[in-house]
């Protein structure tokens, strides 16, 4: 961590950032809710339910694919790192074995 984020000051900074982030999330959620109420005002509830279900399905599908690709990429990177460590560990074991 940076020198200015050590000790009790770090806890205070993290707490303030957490509260600010939570506040921004709540504000954006309420803004989205009021925008949706304005957009769907006077629309047939059946049509509204269909639109919301379609949007939710699309968003969840995209989110699932993005998270899956991220996890796949992360595991590929970890596998490459593991491959690069094999020669180092082999040499370490060989050196330790020669000392015995």
PDB file of N, CA and C in Angstrom:
ATOM      1  N   UNK A   1       0.834  -1.185   0.000  1.00  0.00           N
ATOM      2  CA  UNK A   1       0.000   0.000   0.000  1.00  0.00           C
ATOM      3  C   UNK A   1       0.877   1.245   0.000  1.00  0.00           C
ATOM      4  N   UNK A   2       0.311   2.313  -0.402  1.00  0.00           N
ATOM      5  CA  UNK A   2       1.024   3.567  -0.401  1.00  0.00           C
ATOM      6  C   UNK A   2       1.289   3.989   1.047  1.00  0.00           C
ATOM      7  N   UNK A   3       2.366   4.751   1.268  1.00  0.00           N
ATOM      8  CA  UNK A   3       2.691   5.162   2.637  1.00  0.00           C
ATOM      9  C   UNK A   3       1.581   5.967   3.310  1.00  0.00           C
ATOM     10  N   UNK A   4       0.830   6.745   2.562  1.00  0.00           N
ATOM     11  CA  UNK A   4      -0.211   7.555   3.179  1.00  0.00           C
ATOM     12  C   UNK A   4      -1.459   6.749   3.495  1.00  0.00           C
ATOM     13  N   UNK A   5      -1.524   5.477   3.086  1.00  0.00           N
ATOM     14  CA  UNK A   5      -2.684   4.650   3.373  1.00  0.00           C
ATOM     15  C   UNK A   5      -2.371   3.567   4.402  1.00  0.00           C
ATOM     16  N   UNK A   6      -1.512   3.861   5.352  1.00  0.00           N
ATOM     17  CA  UNK A   6      -1.159   2.883   6.360  1.00  0.00           C
ATOM     18  C   UNK A   6      -1.892   3.185   7.662  1.00  0.00           C
ATOM     19  N   UNK A   7      -2.121   2.147   8.434  1.00  0.00           N
ATOM     20  CA  UNK A   7      -2.678   2.303   9.771  1.00  0.00           C
ATOM     21  C   UNK A   7      -4.146   2.651   9.770  1.00  0.00           C
ATOM     22  N   UNK A   8      -4.522   3.427  10.767  1.00  0.00           N
ATOM     23  CA  UNK A   8      -5.924   3.791  10.968  1.00  0.00           C
ATOM     24  C   UNK A   8      -6.431   4.694   9.849  1.00  0.00           C
ATOM     25  N   UNK A   9      -5.556   5.476   9.264  1.00  0.00           N
ATOM     26  CA  UNK A   9      -5.953   6.340   8.158  1.00  0.00           C
ATOM     27  C   UNK A   9      -6.453   5.539   6.974  1.00  0.00           C
ATOM     28  N   UNK A  10      -5.858   4.372   6.744  1.00  0.00           N
ATOM     29  CA  UNK A  10      -6.287   3.517   5.633  1.00  0.00           C
ATOM     30  C   UNK A  10      -7.694   3.013   5.864  1.00  0.00           C
ATOM     31  N   UNK A  11      -7.998   2.647   7.105  1.00  0.00           N
ATOM     32  CA  UNK A  11      -9.338   2.168   7.421  1.00  0.00           C
ATOM     33  C   UNK A  11     -10.354   3.282   7.205  1.00  0.00           C
ATOM     34  N   UNK A  12     -10.010   4.477   7.613  1.00  0.00           N
ATOM     35  CA  UNK A  12     -10.921   5.610   7.433  1.00  0.00           C
ATOM     36  C   UNK A  12     -11.147   5.908   5.962  1.00  0.00           C
ATOM     37  N   UNK A  13     -10.083   5.872   5.175  1.00  0.00           N
ATOM     38  CA  UNK A  13     -10.206   6.147   3.734  1.00  0.00           C
ATOM     39  C   UNK A  13     -11.065   5.089   3.069  1.00  0.00           C
ATOM     40  N   UNK A  14     -10.830   3.819   3.408  1.00  0.00           N
ATOM     41  CA  UNK A  14     -11.617   2.741   2.825  1.00  0.00           C
ATOM     42  C   UNK A  14     -13.073   2.853   3.249  1.00  0.00           C
ATOM     43  N   UNK A  15     -13.329   3.205   4.500  1.00  0.00           N
ATOM     44  CA  UNK A  15     -14.706   3.350   4.985  1.00  0.00           C
ATOM     45  C   UNK A  15     -15.420   4.483   4.255  1.00  0.00           C
ATOM     46  N   UNK A  16     -14.738   5.597   4.081  1.00  0.00           N
ATOM     47  CA  UNK A  16     -15.350   6.735   3.377  1.00  0.00           C
ATOM     48  C   UNK A  16     -15.625   6.366   1.919  1.00  0.00           C
ATOM     49  N   UNK A  17     -14.673   5.700   1.281  1.00  0.00           N
ATOM     50  CA  UNK A  17     -14.888   5.290  -0.107  1.00  0.00           C
ATOM     51  C   UNK A  17     -16.035   4.289  -0.220  1.00  0.00           C
ATOM     52  N   UNK A  18     -16.156   3.384   0.744  1.00  0.00           N
ATOM     53  CA  UNK A  18     -17.251   2.411   0.722  1.00  0.00           C
ATOM     54  C   UNK A  18     -18.592   3.106   0.874  1.00  0.00           C
ATOM     55  N   UNK A  19     -18.676   4.062   1.777  1.00  0.00           N
ATOM     56  CA  UNK A  19     -19.934   4.795   1.974  1.00  0.00           C
ATOM     57  C   UNK A  19     -20.273   5.613   0.730  1.00  0.00           C
ATOM     58  N   UNK A  20     -19.279   6.267   0.147  1.00  0.00           N
ATOM     59  CA  UNK A  20     -19.532   7.041  -1.074  1.00  0.00           C
ATOM     60  C   UNK A  20     -19.970   6.143  -2.226  1.00  0.00           C
ATOM     61  N   UNK A  21     -19.335   5.001  -2.368  1.00  0.00           N
ATOM     62  CA  UNK A  21     -19.708   4.067  -3.426  1.00  0.00           C
ATOM     63  C   UNK A  21     -21.130   3.558  -3.221  1.00  0.00           C
ATOM     64  N   UNK A  22     -21.460   3.209  -1.986  1.00  0.00           N
ATOM     65  CA  UNK A  22     -22.816   2.747  -1.699  1.00  0.00           C
ATOM     66  C   UNK A  22     -23.835   3.848  -1.985  1.00  0.00           C
ATOM     67  N   UNK A  23     -23.500   5.071  -1.636  1.00  0.00           N
ATOM     68  CA  UNK A  23     -24.394   6.190  -1.910  1.00  0.00           C
ATOM     69  C   UNK A  23     -24.614   6.400  -3.399  1.00  0.00           C
ATOM     70  N   UNK A  24     -23.555   6.300  -4.172  1.00  0.00           N
ATOM     71  CA  UNK A  24     -23.666   6.462  -5.629  1.00  0.00           C
ATOM     72  C   UNK A  24     -24.516   5.339  -6.220  1.00  0.00           C
ATOM     73  N   UNK A  25     -24.319   4.120  -5.738  1.00  0.00           N
ATOM     74  CA  UNK A  25     -25.102   2.991  -6.239  1.00  0.00           C
ATOM     75  C   UNK A  25     -26.582   3.179  -5.917  1.00  0.00           C
ATOM     76  N   UNK A  26     -26.895   3.587  -4.691  1.00  0.00           N
ATOM     77  CA  UNK A  26     -28.293   3.812  -4.311  1.00  0.00           C
ATOM     78  C   UNK A  26     -28.893   4.945  -5.139  1.00  0.00           C
ATOM     79  N   UNK A  27     -28.128   6.016  -5.349  1.00  0.00           N
ATOM     80  CA  UNK A  27     -28.629   7.128  -6.151  1.00  0.00           C
ATOM     81  C   UNK A  27     -28.906   6.699  -7.585  1.00  0.00           C
ATOM     82  N   UNK A  28     -27.977   5.962  -8.180  1.00  0.00           N
ATOM     83  CA  UNK A  28     -28.183   5.508  -9.554  1.00  0.00           C
ATOM     84  C   UNK A  28     -29.352   4.529  -9.659  1.00  0.00           C
ATOM     85  N   UNK A  29     -29.526   3.681  -8.659  1.00  0.00           N
ATOM     86  CA  UNK A  29     -30.648   2.743  -8.663  1.00  0.00           C
ATOM     87  C   UNK A  29     -31.973   3.494  -8.575  1.00  0.00           C
ATOM     88  N   UNK A  30     -32.034   4.507  -7.725  1.00  0.00           N
ATOM     89  CA  UNK A  30     -33.279   5.279  -7.621  1.00  0.00           C
ATOM     90  C   UNK A  30     -33.530   6.074  -8.895  1.00  0.00           C
ATOM     91  N   UNK A  31     -32.479   6.584  -9.503  1.00  0.00           N
ATOM     92  CA  UNK A  31     -32.620   7.307 -10.765  1.00  0.00           C
ATOM     93  C   UNK A  31     -33.124   6.372 -11.859  1.00  0.00           C
ATOM     94  N   UNK A  32     -32.579   5.168 -11.925  1.00  0.00           N
ATOM     95  CA  UNK A  32     -33.029   4.179 -12.895  1.00  0.00           C
ATOM     96  C   UNK A  32     -34.486   3.799 -12.655  1.00  0.00           C
ATOM     97  N   UNK A  33     -34.849   3.627 -11.387  1.00  0.00           N
ATOM     98  CA  UNK A  33     -36.233   3.270 -11.054  1.00  0.00           C
ATOM     99  C   UNK A  33     -37.205   4.362 -11.497  1.00  0.00           C
ATOM    100  N   UNK A  34     -36.863   5.619 -11.229  1.00  0.00           N
ATOM    101  CA  UNK A  34     -37.775   6.701 -11.633  1.00  0.00           C
ATOM    102  C   UNK A  34     -37.830   6.828 -13.153  1.00  0.00           C
ATOM    103  N   UNK A  35     -36.718   6.585 -13.834  1.00  0.00           N
ATOM    104  CA  UNK A  35     -36.719   6.636 -15.295  1.00  0.00           C
ATOM    105  C   UNK A  35     -37.591   5.521 -15.861  1.00  0.00           C
ATOM    106  N   UNK A  36     -37.508   4.330 -15.268  1.00  0.00           N
ATOM    107  CA  UNK A  36     -38.334   3.219 -15.735  1.00  0.00           C
ATOM    108  C   UNK A  36     -39.817   3.488 -15.475  1.00  0.00           C
ATOM    109  N   UNK A  37     -40.115   4.070 -14.326  1.00  0.00           N
ATOM    110  CA  UNK A  37     -41.521   4.424 -14.059  1.00  0.00           C
ATOM    111  C   UNK A  37     -42.032   5.423 -15.095  1.00  0.00           C
ATOM    112  N   UNK A  38     -41.220   6.405 -15.429  1.00  0.00           N
ATOM    113  CA  UNK A  38     -41.645   7.395 -16.410  1.00  0.00           C
ATOM    114  C   UNK A  38     -41.811   6.733 -17.781  1.00  0.00           C
ATOM    115  N   UNK A  39     -40.882   5.860 -18.145  1.00  0.00           N
ATOM    116  CA  UNK A  39     -40.906   5.222 -19.453  1.00  0.00           C
ATOM    117  C   UNK A  39     -42.114   4.293 -19.602  1.00  0.00           C
ATOM    118  N   UNK A  40     -42.427   3.532 -18.557  1.00  0.00           N
ATOM    119  CA  UNK A  40     -43.506   2.548 -18.638  1.00  0.00           C
ATOM    120  C   UNK A  40     -44.835   3.074 -18.123  1.00  0.00           C
ATOM    121  N   UNK A  41     -44.946   4.365 -17.853  1.00  0.00           N
ATOM    122  CA  UNK A  41     -46.195   4.938 -17.360  1.00  0.00           C
ATOM    123  C   UNK A  41     -47.278   4.850 -18.442  1.00  0.00           C
ATOM    124  N   UNK A  42     -48.364   4.201 -18.110  1.00  0.00           N
ATOM    125  CA  UNK A  42     -49.486   4.100 -19.033  1.00  0.00           C
ATOM    126  C   UNK A  42     -49.392   2.944 -20.005  1.00  0.00           C
ATOM    127  N   UNK A  43     -48.347   2.140 -19.941  1.00  0.00           N
ATOM    128  CA  UNK A  43     -48.192   1.001 -20.838  1.00  0.00           C
ATOM    129  C   UNK A  43     -48.885  -0.202 -20.209  1.00  0.00           C
ATOM    130  N   UNK A  44     -49.441  -1.045 -21.058  1.00  0.00           N
ATOM    131  CA  UNK A  44     -50.108  -2.257 -20.602  1.00  0.00           C
ATOM    132  C   UNK A  44     -49.132  -3.079 -19.748  1.00  0.00           C
ATOM    133  N   UNK A  45     -49.560  -3.530 -18.558  1.00  0.00           N
ATOM    134  CA  UNK A  45     -48.657  -4.297 -17.686  1.00  0.00           C
ATOM    135  C   UNK A  45     -48.115  -5.572 -18.328  1.00  0.00           C
ATOM    136  N   UNK A  46     -48.872  -6.193 -19.213  1.00  0.00           N
ATOM    137  CA  UNK A  46     -48.397  -7.393 -19.883  1.00  0.00           C
ATOM    138  C   UNK A  46     -47.221  -7.066 -20.797  1.00  0.00           C
ATOM    139  N   UNK A  47     -47.323  -5.961 -21.513  1.00  0.00           N
ATOM    140  CA  UNK A  47     -46.248  -5.526 -22.396  1.00  0.00           C
ATOM    141  C   UNK A  47     -45.020  -5.150 -21.567  1.00  0.00           C
ATOM    142  N   UNK A  48     -45.243  -4.464 -20.460  1.00  0.00           N
ATOM    143  CA  UNK A  48     -44.148  -4.081 -19.580  1.00  0.00           C
ATOM    144  C   UNK A  48     -43.411  -5.315 -19.062  1.00  0.00           C
ATOM    145  N   UNK A  49     -44.176  -6.322 -18.629  1.00  0.00           N
ATOM    146  CA  UNK A  49     -43.560  -7.548 -18.115  1.00  0.00           C
ATOM    147  C   UNK A  49     -42.737  -8.244 -19.204  1.00  0.00           C
ATOM    148  N   UNK A  50     -43.253  -8.263 -20.418  1.00  0.00           N
ATOM    149  CA  UNK A  50     -42.523  -8.895 -21.517  1.00  0.00           C
ATOM    150  C   UNK A  50     -41.231  -8.146 -21.830  1.00  0.00           C
ATOM    151  N   UNK A  51     -41.285  -6.829 -21.833  1.00  0.00           N
ATOM    152  CA  UNK A  51     -40.090  -6.029 -22.109  1.00  0.00           C
ATOM    153  C   UNK A  51     -39.046  -6.234 -21.020  1.00  0.00           C
ATOM    154  N   UNK A  52     -39.491  -6.184 -19.772  1.00  0.00           N
ATOM    155  CA  UNK A  52     -38.556  -6.360 -18.655  1.00  0.00           C
ATOM    156  C   UNK A  52     -37.941  -7.753 -18.690  1.00  0.00           C
ATOM    157  N   UNK A  53     -38.735  -8.774 -18.974  1.00  0.00           N
ATOM    158  CA  UNK A  53     -38.210 -10.140 -19.048  1.00  0.00           C
ATOM    159  C   UNK A  53     -37.206 -10.282 -20.183  1.00  0.00           C
ATOM    160  N   UNK A  54     -37.486  -9.690 -21.330  1.00  0.00           N
ATOM    161  CA  UNK A  54     -36.558  -9.753 -22.459  1.00  0.00           C
ATOM    162  C   UNK A  54     -35.245  -9.051 -22.172  1.00  0.00           C
ATOM    163  N   UNK A  55     -35.339  -7.868 -21.584  1.00  0.00           N
ATOM    164  CA  UNK A  55     -34.120  -7.121 -21.244  1.00  0.00           C
ATOM    165  C   UNK A  55     -33.309  -7.873 -20.195  1.00  0.00           C
ATOM    166  N   UNK A  56     -33.995  -8.408 -19.180  1.00  0.00           N
ATOM    167  CA  UNK A  56     -33.290  -9.146 -18.126  1.00  0.00           C
ATOM    168  C   UNK A  56     -32.599 -10.377 -18.699  1.00  0.00           C
ATOM    169  N   UNK A  57     -33.274 -11.090 -19.582  1.00  0.00           N
ATOM    170  CA  UNK A  57     -32.670 -12.269 -20.199  1.00  0.00           C
ATOM    171  C   UNK A  57     -31.429 -11.897 -20.992  1.00  0.00           C
ATOM    172  N   UNK A  58     -31.507 -10.837 -21.757  1.00  0.00           N
ATOM    173  CA  UNK A  58     -30.368 -10.397 -22.562  1.00  0.00           C
ATOM    174  C   UNK A  58     -29.200  -9.966 -21.685  1.00  0.00           C
ATOM    175  N   UNK A  59     -29.486  -9.169 -20.664  1.00  0.00           N
ATOM    176  CA  UNK A  59     -28.425  -8.668 -19.787  1.00  0.00           C
ATOM    177  C   UNK A  59     -27.753  -9.821 -19.053  1.00  0.00           C
ATOM    178  N   UNK A  60     -28.530 -10.754 -18.541  1.00  0.00           N
ATOM    179  CA  UNK A  60     -27.960 -11.884 -17.809  1.00  0.00           C
ATOM    180  C   UNK A  60     -27.135 -12.768 -18.743  1.00  0.00           C
ATOM    181  N   UNK A  61     -27.596 -12.960 -19.970  1.00  0.00           N
ATOM    182  CA  UNK A  61     -26.828 -13.765 -20.936  1.00  0.00           C
ATOM    183  C   UNK A  61     -25.484 -13.127 -21.244  1.00  0.00           C
ATOM    184  N   UNK A  62     -25.486 -11.840 -21.511  1.00  0.00           N
ATOM    185  CA  UNK A  62     -24.246 -11.132 -21.818  1.00  0.00           C
ATOM    186  C   UNK A  62     -23.313 -11.164 -20.603  1.00  0.00           C
ATOM    187  N   UNK A  63     -23.868 -10.937 -19.432  1.00  0.00           N
ATOM    188  CA  UNK A  63     -23.071 -10.951 -18.202  1.00  0.00           C
ATOM    189  C   UNK A  63     -22.430 -12.321 -17.985  1.00  0.00           C
ATOM    190  N   UNK A  64     -23.201 -13.377 -18.222  1.00  0.00           N
ATOM    191  CA  UNK A  64     -22.683 -14.733 -18.052  1.00  0.00           C
ATOM    192  C   UNK A  64     -21.545 -15.020 -19.031  1.00  0.00           C
ATOM    193  N   UNK A  65     -21.692 -14.617 -20.269  1.00  0.00           N
ATOM    194  CA  UNK A  65     -20.643 -14.838 -21.270  1.00  0.00           C
ATOM    195  C   UNK A  65     -19.386 -14.050 -20.917  1.00  0.00           C
ATOM    196  N   UNK A  66     -19.553 -12.802 -20.502  1.00  0.00           N
ATOM    197  CA  UNK A  66     -18.399 -11.967 -20.160  1.00  0.00           C
ATOM    198  C   UNK A  66     -17.656 -12.553 -18.963  1.00  0.00           C
ATOM    199  N   UNK A  67     -18.369 -12.955 -17.935  1.00  0.00           N
ATOM    200  CA  UNK A  67     -17.733 -13.537 -16.753  1.00  0.00           C
ATOM    201  C   UNK A  67     -17.044 -14.856 -17.129  1.00  0.00           C
ATOM    202  N   UNK A  68     -17.696 -15.665 -17.953  1.00  0.00           N
ATOM    203  CA  UNK A  68     -17.090 -16.927 -18.384  1.00  0.00           C
ATOM    204  C   UNK A  68     -15.796 -16.714 -19.139  1.00  0.00           C
ATOM    205  N   UNK A  69     -15.788 -15.740 -20.045  1.00  0.00           N
ATOM    206  CA  UNK A  69     -14.566 -15.448 -20.804  1.00  0.00           C
ATOM    207  C   UNK A  69     -13.468 -14.930 -19.890  1.00  0.00           C
ATOM    208  N   UNK A  70     -13.842 -14.102 -18.931  1.00  0.00           N
ATOM    209  CA  UNK A  70     -12.864 -13.575 -17.990  1.00  0.00           C
ATOM    210  C   UNK A  70     -12.220 -14.702 -17.186  1.00  0.00           C
ATOM    211  N   UNK A  71     -13.052 -15.595 -16.661  1.00  0.00           N
ATOM    212  CA  UNK A  71     -12.525 -16.713 -15.876  1.00  0.00           C
ATOM    213  C   UNK A  71     -11.676 -17.645 -16.736  1.00  0.00           C
ATOM    214  N   UNK A  72     -12.087 -17.853 -17.977  1.00  0.00           N
ATOM    215  CA  UNK A  72     -11.320 -18.688 -18.901  1.00  0.00           C
ATOM    216  C   UNK A  72      -9.953 -18.078 -19.181  1.00  0.00           C
ATOM    217  N   UNK A  73      -9.923 -16.780 -19.423  1.00  0.00           N
ATOM    218  CA  UNK A  73      -8.667 -16.086 -19.691  1.00  0.00           C
ATOM    219  C   UNK A  73      -7.760 -16.122 -18.460  1.00  0.00           C
ATOM    220  N   UNK A  74      -8.358 -15.929 -17.294  1.00  0.00           N
ATOM    221  CA  UNK A  74      -7.574 -15.951 -16.056  1.00  0.00           C
ATOM    222  C   UNK A  74      -6.951 -17.327 -15.815  1.00  0.00           C
ATOM    223  N   UNK A  75      -7.708 -18.386 -16.072  1.00  0.00           N
ATOM    224  CA  UNK A  75      -7.154 -19.726 -15.872  1.00  0.00           C
ATOM    225  C   UNK A  75      -6.067 -20.024 -16.908  1.00  0.00           C
ATOM    226  N   UNK A  76      -6.203 -19.510 -18.118  1.00  0.00           N
ATOM    227  CA  UNK A  76      -5.158 -19.699 -19.126  1.00  0.00           C
ATOM    228  C   UNK A  76      -3.875 -18.979 -18.714  1.00  0.00           C
ATOM    229  N   UNK A  77      -4.005 -17.795 -18.159  1.00  0.00           N
ATOM    230  CA  UNK A  77      -2.834 -17.050 -17.694  1.00  0.00           C
ATOM    231  C   UNK A  77      -2.163 -17.786 -16.540  1.00  0.00           C
ATOM    232  N   UNK A  78      -2.970 -18.302 -15.613  1.00  0.00           N
ATOM    233  CA  UNK A  78      -2.408 -19.060 -14.496  1.00  0.00           C
ATOM    234  C   UNK A  78      -1.692 -20.314 -14.986  1.00  0.00           C
ATOM    235  N   UNK A  79      -2.240 -20.971 -16.004  1.00  0.00           N
ATOM    236  CA  UNK A  79      -1.584 -22.158 -16.557  1.00  0.00           C
ATOM    237  C   UNK A  79      -0.241 -21.792 -17.180  1.00  0.00           C
ATOM    238  N   UNK A  80      -0.174 -20.667 -17.883  1.00  0.00           N
ATOM    239  CA  UNK A  80       1.093 -20.217 -18.473  1.00  0.00           C
ATOM    240  C   UNK A  80       2.114 -19.895 -17.393  1.00  0.00           C
ATOM    241  N   UNK A  81       1.664 -19.253 -16.333  1.00  0.00           N
ATOM    242  CA  UNK A  81       2.571 -18.935 -15.227  1.00  0.00           C
ATOM    243  C   UNK A  81       3.092 -20.222 -14.596  1.00  0.00           C
ATOM    244  N   UNK A  82       2.185 -21.186 -14.425  1.00  0.00           N
ATOM    245  CA  UNK A  82       2.584 -22.477 -13.861  1.00  0.00           C
ATOM    246  C   UNK A  82       3.632 -23.162 -14.747  1.00  0.00           C
ATOM    247  N   UNK A  83       3.427 -23.098 -16.075  1.00  0.00           N
ATOM    248  CA  UNK A  83       4.397 -23.700 -17.006  1.00  0.00           C
ATOM    249  C   UNK A  83       5.764 -23.032 -16.891  1.00  0.00           C
ATOM    250  N   UNK A  84       5.755 -21.715 -16.724  1.00  0.00           N
ATOM    251  CA  UNK A  84       7.034 -21.003 -16.627  1.00  0.00           C
ATOM    252  C   UNK A  84       7.737 -21.280 -15.300  1.00  0.00           C
ATOM    253  N   UNK A  85       7.007 -21.695 -14.282  1.00  0.00           N
ATOM    254  CA  UNK A  85       7.622 -21.987 -12.987  1.00  0.00           C
ATOM    255  C   UNK A  85       8.223 -23.387 -12.926  1.00  0.00           C
ATOM    256  N   UNK A  86       7.791 -24.286 -13.787  1.00  0.00           N
ATOM    257  CA  UNK A  86       8.262 -25.672 -13.736  1.00  0.00           C
ATOM    258  C   UNK A  86       9.779 -25.768 -13.843  1.00  0.00           C
ATOM    259  N   UNK A  87      10.432 -25.099 -14.816  1.00  0.00           N
ATOM    260  CA  UNK A  87      11.894 -25.207 -14.877  1.00  0.00           C
ATOM    261  C   UNK A  87      12.587 -24.662 -13.622  1.00  0.00           C
ATOM    262  N   UNK A  88      12.053 -23.607 -13.060  1.00  0.00           N
ATOM    263  CA  UNK A  88      12.658 -23.018 -11.860  1.00  0.00           C
ATOM    264  C   UNK A  88      12.580 -24.008 -10.707  1.00  0.00           C
ATOM    265  N   UNK A  89      11.414 -24.600 -10.510  1.00  0.00           N
ATOM    266  CA  UNK A  89      11.265 -25.564  -9.421  1.00  0.00           C
ATOM    267  C   UNK A  89      12.080 -26.828  -9.673  1.00  0.00           C
ATOM    268  N   UNK A  90      12.175 -27.250 -10.916  1.00  0.00           N
ATOM    269  CA  UNK A  90      12.995 -28.419 -11.241  1.00  0.00           C
ATOM    270  C   UNK A  90      14.452 -28.150 -10.884  1.00  0.00           C
ATOM    271  N   UNK A  91      14.944 -26.997 -11.244  1.00  0.00           N
ATOM    272  CA  UNK A  91      16.318 -26.622 -10.919  1.00  0.00           C
ATOM    273  C   UNK A  91      16.510 -26.522  -9.405  1.00  0.00           C
ATOM    274  N   UNK A  92      15.524 -25.998  -8.701  1.00  0.00           N
ATOM    275  CA  UNK A  92      15.595 -25.886  -7.243  1.00  0.00           C
ATOM    276  C   UNK A  92      15.681 -27.271  -6.603  1.00  0.00           C
ATOM    277  N   UNK A  93      14.841 -28.182  -7.042  1.00  0.00           N
ATOM    278  CA  UNK A  93      14.851 -29.540  -6.493  1.00  0.00           C
ATOM    279  C   UNK A  93      16.165 -30.231  -6.817  1.00  0.00           C
ATOM    280  N   UNK A  94      16.654 -30.026  -8.016  1.00  0.00           N
ATOM    281  CA  UNK A  94      17.926 -30.626  -8.416  1.00  0.00           C
ATOM    282  C   UNK A  94      19.073 -30.096  -7.540  1.00  0.00           C
ATOM    283  N   UNK A  95      19.059 -28.786  -7.286  1.00  0.00           N
ATOM    284  CA  UNK A  95      20.100 -28.175  -6.445  1.00  0.00           C
ATOM    285  C   UNK A  95      19.992 -28.675  -5.013  1.00  0.00           C
ATOM    286  N   UNK A  96      18.789 -28.796  -4.499  1.00  0.00           N
ATOM    287  CA  UNK A  96      18.612 -29.286  -3.126  1.00  0.00           C
ATOM    288  C   UNK A  96      18.994 -30.761  -3.026  1.00  0.00           C
ATOM    289  N   UNK A  97      18.751 -31.509  -4.080  1.00  0.00           N
ATOM    290  CA  UNK A  97      19.078 -32.919  -4.087  1.00  0.00           C
ATOM    291  C   UNK A  97      20.594 -33.130  -4.097  1.00  0.00           C
ATOM    292  N   UNK A  98      21.328 -32.230  -4.782  1.00  0.00           N
ATOM    293  CA  UNK A  98      22.780 -32.338  -4.838  1.00  0.00           C
ATOM    294  C   UNK A  98      23.409 -32.025  -3.489  1.00  0.00           C
ATOM    295  N   UNK A  99      22.774 -31.179  -2.695  1.00  0.00           N
ATOM    296  CA  UNK A  99      23.303 -30.815  -1.383  1.00  0.00           C
ATOM    297  C   UNK A  99      23.196 -31.981  -0.410  1.00  0.00           C
ATOM    298  N   UNK A 100      22.251 -32.865  -0.598  1.00  0.00           N
ATOM    299  CA  UNK A 100      22.033 -33.963   0.350  1.00  0.00           C
ATOM    300  C   UNK A 100      23.075 -35.031   0.273  1.00  0.00           C
TER     301      UNK A 100
END
